[in-house]
C-alpha cells in the first residue's frame, strides 16, 4: 500500500458514500432475493395444473359414487321403522341388564368359594377352567 498514492479526504469521503450506496443496494437486492425465494418455495409446494385436474377428477368421481350410494339408500325399501328400532333397543337393554345380573351373581358365588380356598383366585380359575370377560377383552356395553 505504500507504493500507491495516498487518497485525499474528498476521495475517501466519495468512496465512503459509494460504499454506503452499494451497501444499500446490496440490502435491497438481498431482500428482493429472499422475497423471490419465498415465492419460489410457495410455487414449488403448490400443485401443478395437471395435478389439480387429476385431483378435481378424483373428487368428482368420489362425489358421483357418494351421490349414487345416497340415492340407493334413499330408494331402499327395507328401512327400519322407529318401532323396530325401539324394540331392538329394549331387547339390548334387557340382555345387558341380564348380563350384569348374571355376572354379579357369578362373581359373588366365586368370591364365596374363594373365602375358604387356600390358593389364589387365578390358580382357582385355572384349575376349574373359568374364563372371564376380561380374559377375552369383552367389555359390557354402556347404557344408552
N, C-alpha and C. Protein backbone atom coordinates (compact mmCIF):
# COMPACT_ATOMS: atom_id res chain seq x y z
N UNK A 1 0.81 -1.19 0.00
CA UNK A 1 0.00 0.00 0.00
C UNK A 1 0.86 1.26 0.00
N UNK A 2 2.08 1.14 0.42
CA UNK A 2 2.96 2.31 0.43
C UNK A 2 3.28 2.74 -0.98
N UNK A 3 3.21 1.84 -1.93
CA UNK A 3 3.54 2.17 -3.32
C UNK A 3 2.40 2.93 -4.00
N UNK A 4 1.21 2.84 -3.47
CA UNK A 4 0.07 3.54 -4.05
C UNK A 4 0.03 4.98 -3.54
N UNK A 5 -0.46 5.89 -4.37
CA UNK A 5 -0.55 7.28 -3.91
C UNK A 5 -1.63 7.41 -2.84
N UNK A 6 -1.45 8.28 -1.88
CA UNK A 6 -2.41 8.48 -0.80
C UNK A 6 -3.64 9.18 -1.36
N UNK A 7 -4.80 8.73 -0.92
CA UNK A 7 -6.05 9.32 -1.39
C UNK A 7 -6.37 10.54 -0.54
N UNK A 8 -6.94 11.52 -1.14
CA UNK A 8 -7.30 12.73 -0.41
C UNK A 8 -8.58 12.49 0.39
N UNK A 9 -8.85 13.41 1.29
CA UNK A 9 -10.06 13.30 2.13
C UNK A 9 -11.31 13.32 1.27
N UNK A 10 -11.33 14.08 0.25
CA UNK A 10 -12.51 14.18 -0.62
C UNK A 10 -12.74 12.84 -1.32
N UNK A 11 -11.63 12.23 -1.79
CA UNK A 11 -11.76 10.93 -2.45
C UNK A 11 -12.25 9.88 -1.46
N UNK A 12 -11.74 9.92 -0.23
CA UNK A 12 -12.17 8.95 0.79
C UNK A 12 -13.65 9.12 1.12
N UNK A 13 -14.07 10.39 1.25
CA UNK A 13 -15.49 10.62 1.52
C UNK A 13 -16.35 10.14 0.35
N UNK A 14 -15.89 10.37 -0.84
CA UNK A 14 -16.61 9.90 -2.04
C UNK A 14 -16.71 8.38 -2.05
N UNK A 15 -15.58 7.72 -1.72
CA UNK A 15 -15.59 6.25 -1.68
C UNK A 15 -16.50 5.73 -0.56
N UNK A 16 -16.48 6.42 0.61
CA UNK A 16 -17.37 6.03 1.72
C UNK A 16 -18.83 6.17 1.30
N UNK A 17 -19.13 7.25 0.59
CA UNK A 17 -20.51 7.45 0.11
C UNK A 17 -20.90 6.37 -0.88
N UNK A 18 -19.95 6.01 -1.76
CA UNK A 18 -20.22 4.95 -2.74
C UNK A 18 -20.41 3.61 -2.05
N UNK A 19 -19.60 3.35 -1.01
CA UNK A 19 -19.75 2.10 -0.23
C UNK A 19 -21.12 2.05 0.43
N UNK A 20 -21.53 3.16 1.01
CA UNK A 20 -22.85 3.21 1.68
C UNK A 20 -23.96 2.98 0.67
N UNK A 21 -23.83 3.61 -0.51
CA UNK A 21 -24.86 3.43 -1.55
C UNK A 21 -24.91 1.98 -2.01
N UNK A 22 -23.73 1.39 -2.22
CA UNK A 22 -23.67 -0.01 -2.67
C UNK A 22 -24.21 -0.95 -1.58
N UNK A 23 -23.93 -0.62 -0.32
CA UNK A 23 -24.45 -1.45 0.78
C UNK A 23 -25.97 -1.40 0.80
N UNK A 24 -26.53 -0.22 0.57
CA UNK A 24 -27.99 -0.08 0.49
C UNK A 24 -28.56 -0.89 -0.66
N UNK A 25 -27.89 -0.81 -1.82
CA UNK A 25 -28.33 -1.59 -2.97
C UNK A 25 -28.25 -3.08 -2.67
N UNK A 26 -27.16 -3.50 -2.01
CA UNK A 26 -26.97 -4.90 -1.65
C UNK A 26 -28.11 -5.38 -0.75
N UNK A 27 -28.44 -4.59 0.27
CA UNK A 27 -29.51 -4.97 1.18
C UNK A 27 -30.85 -5.07 0.44
N UNK A 28 -31.11 -4.12 -0.45
CA UNK A 28 -32.35 -4.14 -1.23
C UNK A 28 -32.40 -5.39 -2.10
N UNK A 29 -31.28 -5.72 -2.75
CA UNK A 29 -31.23 -6.91 -3.60
C UNK A 29 -31.38 -8.20 -2.78
N UNK A 30 -30.75 -8.23 -1.59
CA UNK A 30 -30.88 -9.42 -0.73
C UNK A 30 -32.33 -9.60 -0.28
N UNK A 31 -32.99 -8.48 0.06
CA UNK A 31 -34.39 -8.54 0.47
C UNK A 31 -35.25 -9.03 -0.69
N UNK A 32 -34.99 -8.53 -1.86
CA UNK A 32 -35.72 -8.95 -3.05
C UNK A 32 -35.48 -10.43 -3.33
N UNK A 33 -34.25 -10.87 -3.15
CA UNK A 33 -33.89 -12.28 -3.36
C UNK A 33 -34.63 -13.17 -2.37
N UNK A 34 -34.67 -12.76 -1.08
CA UNK A 34 -35.39 -13.54 -0.07
C UNK A 34 -36.87 -13.63 -0.42
N UNK A 35 -37.44 -12.51 -0.87
CA UNK A 35 -38.85 -12.49 -1.25
C UNK A 35 -39.10 -13.46 -2.41
N UNK A 36 -38.22 -13.41 -3.42
CA UNK A 36 -38.37 -14.29 -4.57
C UNK A 36 -38.18 -15.76 -4.19
N UNK A 37 -37.24 -16.06 -3.29
CA UNK A 37 -37.03 -17.43 -2.83
C UNK A 37 -38.27 -17.95 -2.09
N UNK A 38 -38.88 -17.10 -1.28
CA UNK A 38 -40.10 -17.49 -0.57
C UNK A 38 -41.22 -17.76 -1.57
N UNK A 39 -41.33 -16.91 -2.58
CA UNK A 39 -42.36 -17.10 -3.60
C UNK A 39 -42.10 -18.39 -4.39
N UNK A 40 -40.83 -18.66 -4.70
CA UNK A 40 -40.48 -19.89 -5.40
C UNK A 40 -40.83 -21.11 -4.56
N UNK A 41 -40.55 -21.05 -3.27
CA UNK A 41 -40.86 -22.16 -2.37
C UNK A 41 -42.37 -22.41 -2.35
N UNK A 42 -43.16 -21.32 -2.29
CA UNK A 42 -44.62 -21.46 -2.31
C UNK A 42 -45.08 -22.09 -3.61
N UNK A 43 -44.52 -21.64 -4.72
CA UNK A 43 -44.92 -22.18 -6.02
C UNK A 43 -44.51 -23.65 -6.17
N UNK A 44 -43.32 -24.00 -5.67
CA UNK A 44 -42.88 -25.39 -5.75
C UNK A 44 -43.72 -26.31 -4.89
N UNK A 45 -44.22 -25.80 -3.77
CA UNK A 45 -45.01 -26.64 -2.88
C UNK A 45 -46.48 -26.73 -3.30
N UNK A 46 -46.92 -25.85 -4.20
CA UNK A 46 -48.31 -25.91 -4.65
C UNK A 46 -48.45 -26.92 -5.79
N UNK A 47 -49.70 -27.30 -6.04
CA UNK A 47 -49.97 -28.29 -7.06
C UNK A 47 -49.87 -27.67 -8.45
N UNK A 48 -49.47 -28.49 -9.41
CA UNK A 48 -49.43 -28.02 -10.79
C UNK A 48 -50.82 -28.15 -11.40
N UNK A 49 -51.00 -27.56 -12.56
CA UNK A 49 -52.31 -27.61 -13.22
C UNK A 49 -52.73 -29.04 -13.53
N UNK A 50 -51.85 -29.90 -14.07
CA UNK A 50 -52.28 -31.29 -14.31
C UNK A 50 -52.62 -32.03 -13.01
N UNK A 51 -51.87 -31.75 -11.94
CA UNK A 51 -52.17 -32.38 -10.65
C UNK A 51 -53.53 -31.94 -10.14
N UNK A 52 -53.83 -30.66 -10.28
CA UNK A 52 -55.13 -30.14 -9.84
C UNK A 52 -56.24 -30.76 -10.68
N UNK A 53 -56.01 -30.90 -11.97
CA UNK A 53 -57.02 -31.51 -12.84
C UNK A 53 -57.30 -32.96 -12.41
N UNK A 54 -56.23 -33.70 -12.09
CA UNK A 54 -56.41 -35.08 -11.62
C UNK A 54 -57.17 -35.11 -10.30
N UNK A 55 -56.82 -34.19 -9.40
CA UNK A 55 -57.50 -34.13 -8.09
C UNK A 55 -58.97 -33.79 -8.27
N UNK A 56 -59.27 -32.86 -9.14
CA UNK A 56 -60.67 -32.49 -9.40
C UNK A 56 -61.43 -33.68 -9.96
N UNK A 57 -60.81 -34.39 -10.88
CA UNK A 57 -61.47 -35.57 -11.47
C UNK A 57 -61.72 -36.64 -10.42
N UNK A 58 -60.74 -36.87 -9.54
CA UNK A 58 -60.92 -37.86 -8.48
C UNK A 58 -62.04 -37.44 -7.53
N UNK A 59 -62.09 -36.15 -7.20
CA UNK A 59 -63.15 -35.66 -6.32
C UNK A 59 -64.52 -35.77 -6.98
N UNK A 60 -64.58 -35.53 -8.27
CA UNK A 60 -65.86 -35.67 -8.99
C UNK A 60 -66.32 -37.12 -8.98
N UNK A 61 -65.38 -38.05 -9.18
CA UNK A 61 -65.74 -39.48 -9.13
C UNK A 61 -66.24 -39.86 -7.74
N UNK A 62 -65.54 -39.38 -6.70
CA UNK A 62 -65.98 -39.65 -5.33
C UNK A 62 -67.37 -39.10 -5.10
N UNK A 63 -67.58 -37.88 -5.54
CA UNK A 63 -68.89 -37.23 -5.37
C UNK A 63 -69.98 -38.03 -6.08
N UNK A 64 -69.69 -38.48 -7.29
CA UNK A 64 -70.67 -39.26 -8.04
C UNK A 64 -70.98 -40.58 -7.33
N UNK A 65 -69.93 -41.24 -6.81
CA UNK A 65 -70.18 -42.52 -6.13
C UNK A 65 -70.96 -42.30 -4.84
N UNK A 66 -70.68 -41.22 -4.13
CA UNK A 66 -71.43 -40.93 -2.90
C UNK A 66 -72.88 -40.56 -3.22
N UNK A 67 -73.08 -39.83 -4.30
CA UNK A 67 -74.44 -39.47 -4.71
C UNK A 67 -75.22 -40.73 -5.08
N UNK A 68 -74.56 -41.63 -5.80
CA UNK A 68 -75.20 -42.90 -6.17
C UNK A 68 -75.54 -43.73 -4.93
N UNK A 69 -74.61 -43.78 -4.01
CA UNK A 69 -74.84 -44.53 -2.77
C UNK A 69 -75.99 -43.92 -1.98
N UNK A 70 -76.04 -42.60 -1.92
CA UNK A 70 -77.12 -41.90 -1.22
C UNK A 70 -78.47 -42.21 -1.88
N UNK A 71 -78.49 -42.19 -3.19
CA UNK A 71 -79.74 -42.50 -3.89
C UNK A 71 -80.19 -43.93 -3.63
N UNK A 72 -79.24 -44.87 -3.60
CA UNK A 72 -79.59 -46.27 -3.30
C UNK A 72 -80.17 -46.39 -1.89
N UNK A 73 -79.55 -45.65 -0.95
CA UNK A 73 -80.04 -45.71 0.43
C UNK A 73 -81.44 -45.10 0.52
N UNK A 74 -81.63 -43.96 -0.16
CA UNK A 74 -82.94 -43.30 -0.13
C UNK A 74 -84.02 -44.15 -0.78
N UNK A 75 -83.66 -44.86 -1.85
CA UNK A 75 -84.66 -45.64 -2.57
C UNK A 75 -84.86 -47.03 -1.99
N UNK A 76 -84.07 -47.41 -1.01
CA UNK A 76 -84.21 -48.74 -0.40
C UNK A 76 -85.56 -48.84 0.30
N UNK A 77 -86.14 -50.02 0.20
CA UNK A 77 -87.46 -50.24 0.81
C UNK A 77 -87.36 -50.96 2.14
N UNK A 78 -86.19 -51.33 2.53
CA UNK A 78 -86.03 -52.10 3.76
C UNK A 78 -85.59 -51.23 4.94
N UNK A 79 -86.16 -50.04 5.05
CA UNK A 79 -85.83 -49.15 6.16
C UNK A 79 -86.33 -49.74 7.47
N UNK A 80 -85.63 -49.43 8.53
CA UNK A 80 -86.03 -49.87 9.86
C UNK A 80 -87.03 -48.85 10.40
N UNK A 81 -88.15 -49.33 10.82
CA UNK A 81 -89.16 -48.42 11.36
C UNK A 81 -88.76 -48.03 12.78
N UNK A 82 -89.25 -46.90 13.24
CA UNK A 82 -88.94 -46.49 14.61
C UNK A 82 -89.39 -47.53 15.65
N UNK A 83 -90.49 -48.21 15.36
CA UNK A 83 -90.97 -49.24 16.28
C UNK A 83 -89.99 -50.40 16.37
N UNK A 84 -89.47 -50.81 15.19
CA UNK A 84 -88.49 -51.91 15.18
C UNK A 84 -87.22 -51.49 15.92
N UNK A 85 -86.80 -50.27 15.68
CA UNK A 85 -85.59 -49.77 16.35
C UNK A 85 -85.79 -49.75 17.86
N UNK A 86 -86.94 -49.27 18.29
CA UNK A 86 -87.24 -49.21 19.73
C UNK A 86 -87.27 -50.62 20.33
N UNK A 87 -87.83 -51.57 19.59
CA UNK A 87 -87.89 -52.95 20.06
C UNK A 87 -86.48 -53.52 20.25
N UNK A 88 -85.62 -53.29 19.27
CA UNK A 88 -84.25 -53.79 19.35
C UNK A 88 -83.51 -53.15 20.52
N UNK A 89 -83.70 -51.85 20.71
CA UNK A 89 -83.05 -51.14 21.83
C UNK A 89 -83.52 -51.69 23.17
N UNK A 90 -84.83 -51.97 23.28
CA UNK A 90 -85.35 -52.54 24.53
C UNK A 90 -84.76 -53.92 24.78
N UNK A 91 -84.66 -54.74 23.72
CA UNK A 91 -84.08 -56.08 23.87
C UNK A 91 -82.62 -55.99 24.29
N UNK A 92 -81.89 -55.08 23.68
CA UNK A 92 -80.48 -54.92 24.05
C UNK A 92 -80.36 -54.50 25.51
N UNK A 93 -81.20 -53.59 25.93
CA UNK A 93 -81.18 -53.15 27.32
C UNK A 93 -81.50 -54.31 28.26
N UNK A 94 -82.47 -55.13 27.89
CA UNK A 94 -82.83 -56.30 28.70
C UNK A 94 -81.66 -57.28 28.79
N UNK A 95 -81.05 -57.57 27.66
CA UNK A 95 -79.92 -58.51 27.65
C UNK A 95 -78.73 -57.95 28.42
N UNK A 96 -78.47 -56.65 28.31
CA UNK A 96 -77.38 -56.02 29.04
C UNK A 96 -77.62 -56.11 30.55
N UNK A 97 -78.86 -55.84 30.96
CA UNK A 97 -79.21 -55.91 32.37
C UNK A 97 -79.06 -57.35 32.89
N UNK A 98 -79.48 -58.31 32.07
CA UNK A 98 -79.36 -59.72 32.46
C UNK A 98 -77.88 -60.13 32.56
N UNK A 99 -77.08 -59.66 31.62
CA UNK A 99 -75.64 -59.95 31.64
C UNK A 99 -75.04 -59.42 32.94
N UNK A 100 -75.35 -58.19 33.30
CA UNK A 100 -74.83 -57.62 34.54
C UNK A 100 -75.26 -58.45 35.76
N UNK A 101 -76.54 -58.81 35.79
CA UNK A 101 -77.08 -59.57 36.92
C UNK A 101 -76.37 -60.91 37.05
N UNK A 102 -76.24 -61.62 35.95
CA UNK A 102 -75.59 -62.94 35.98
C UNK A 102 -74.11 -62.83 36.32
N UNK A 103 -73.45 -61.80 35.79
CA UNK A 103 -72.04 -61.62 36.10
C UNK A 103 -71.86 -61.33 37.59
N UNK A 104 -72.74 -60.49 38.15
CA UNK A 104 -72.68 -60.17 39.58
C UNK A 104 -72.92 -61.43 40.42
N UNK A 105 -73.89 -62.27 40.02
CA UNK A 105 -74.17 -63.50 40.76
C UNK A 105 -72.98 -64.44 40.71
N UNK A 106 -72.38 -64.60 39.53
CA UNK A 106 -71.24 -65.50 39.40
C UNK A 106 -70.06 -64.98 40.22
N UNK A 107 -69.84 -63.68 40.21
CA UNK A 107 -68.74 -63.10 40.98
C UNK A 107 -68.95 -63.32 42.47
N UNK A 108 -70.17 -63.10 42.94
CA UNK A 108 -70.46 -63.31 44.35
C UNK A 108 -70.27 -64.77 44.74
N UNK A 109 -70.70 -65.69 43.88
CA UNK A 109 -70.55 -67.12 44.14
C UNK A 109 -69.06 -67.50 44.18
N UNK A 110 -68.30 -67.02 43.23
CA UNK A 110 -66.87 -67.33 43.19
C UNK A 110 -66.14 -66.72 44.39
N UNK A 111 -66.52 -65.50 44.78
CA UNK A 111 -65.91 -64.89 45.96
C UNK A 111 -66.20 -65.71 47.21
N UNK A 112 -67.42 -66.24 47.32
CA UNK A 112 -67.78 -67.07 48.47
C UNK A 112 -66.93 -68.34 48.49
N UNK A 113 -66.72 -68.95 47.34
CA UNK A 113 -65.90 -70.16 47.26
C UNK A 113 -64.46 -69.84 47.61
N UNK A 114 -63.97 -68.70 47.12
CA UNK A 114 -62.57 -68.34 47.33
C UNK A 114 -62.25 -67.99 48.78
N UNK A 115 -63.27 -67.67 49.59
CA UNK A 115 -63.02 -67.36 51.00
C UNK A 115 -62.36 -68.53 51.72
N UNK A 116 -62.76 -69.74 51.39
CA UNK A 116 -62.19 -70.91 52.06
C UNK A 116 -61.16 -71.64 51.21
N UNK A 117 -60.85 -71.12 50.04
CA UNK A 117 -59.92 -71.78 49.13
C UNK A 117 -58.49 -71.36 49.49
N UNK A 118 -57.56 -72.32 49.62
CA UNK A 118 -56.20 -71.99 50.08
C UNK A 118 -55.33 -71.31 49.02
N UNK A 119 -55.66 -71.45 47.76
CA UNK A 119 -54.82 -70.89 46.69
C UNK A 119 -55.40 -69.56 46.20
N UNK A 120 -54.70 -68.95 45.25
CA UNK A 120 -55.12 -67.65 44.73
C UNK A 120 -56.31 -67.79 43.79
N UNK A 121 -56.92 -66.67 43.51
CA UNK A 121 -58.07 -66.62 42.61
C UNK A 121 -57.67 -67.09 41.22
N UNK A 122 -56.52 -66.66 40.76
CA UNK A 122 -56.02 -67.03 39.43
C UNK A 122 -55.82 -68.54 39.33
N UNK A 123 -55.22 -69.14 40.38
CA UNK A 123 -54.99 -70.58 40.37
C UNK A 123 -56.33 -71.34 40.38
N UNK A 124 -57.29 -70.84 41.14
CA UNK A 124 -58.61 -71.47 41.19
C UNK A 124 -59.27 -71.44 39.82
N UNK A 125 -59.22 -70.29 39.16
CA UNK A 125 -59.83 -70.16 37.84
C UNK A 125 -59.17 -71.11 36.84
N UNK A 126 -57.84 -71.27 36.93
CA UNK A 126 -57.13 -72.17 36.03
C UNK A 126 -57.51 -73.63 36.29
N UNK A 127 -57.61 -74.02 37.56
CA UNK A 127 -57.95 -75.40 37.91
C UNK A 127 -59.36 -75.75 37.48
N UNK A 128 -60.29 -74.85 37.67
CA UNK A 128 -61.69 -75.12 37.35
C UNK A 128 -61.97 -74.87 35.87
N UNK A 129 -61.17 -74.05 35.22
CA UNK A 129 -61.36 -73.76 33.79
C UNK A 129 -62.30 -72.59 33.56
N UNK A 130 -62.30 -71.62 34.44
CA UNK A 130 -63.17 -70.46 34.30
C UNK A 130 -62.48 -69.42 33.43
N UNK A 131 -63.23 -68.92 32.45
CA UNK A 131 -62.73 -67.85 31.60
C UNK A 131 -63.61 -66.63 31.83
N UNK A 132 -62.99 -65.50 32.11
CA UNK A 132 -63.74 -64.29 32.39
C UNK A 132 -63.86 -63.42 31.15
N UNK A 133 -64.76 -62.45 31.24
CA UNK A 133 -64.91 -61.49 30.13
C UNK A 133 -63.59 -60.78 29.88
N UNK A 134 -62.89 -60.43 30.97
CA UNK A 134 -61.64 -59.70 30.85
C UNK A 134 -60.57 -60.53 30.14
N UNK A 135 -60.59 -61.86 30.33
CA UNK A 135 -59.62 -62.72 29.64
C UNK A 135 -59.75 -62.61 28.13
N UNK A 136 -60.95 -62.37 27.67
CA UNK A 136 -61.21 -62.30 26.24
C UNK A 136 -61.39 -60.87 25.74
N UNK A 137 -61.15 -59.90 26.60
CA UNK A 137 -61.23 -58.50 26.20
C UNK A 137 -62.66 -58.03 25.94
N UNK A 138 -63.63 -58.69 26.52
CA UNK A 138 -65.02 -58.32 26.32
C UNK A 138 -65.40 -57.27 27.37
N UNK A 139 -66.04 -56.22 26.91
CA UNK A 139 -66.46 -55.15 27.81
C UNK A 139 -67.97 -55.05 27.74
N UNK A 140 -68.58 -54.90 28.89
CA UNK A 140 -70.03 -54.75 28.97
C UNK A 140 -70.42 -53.45 28.28
N UNK A 141 -71.38 -53.50 27.33
CA UNK A 141 -71.77 -52.28 26.62
C UNK A 141 -72.31 -51.22 27.58
N UNK A 142 -72.05 -50.00 27.27
CA UNK A 142 -72.53 -48.89 28.10
C UNK A 142 -74.03 -48.73 27.92
N UNK A 143 -74.67 -48.22 28.91
CA UNK A 143 -76.11 -48.00 28.82
C UNK A 143 -76.38 -46.76 27.98
N UNK A 144 -77.49 -46.81 27.28
CA UNK A 144 -77.83 -45.66 26.42
C UNK A 144 -79.09 -45.02 26.89
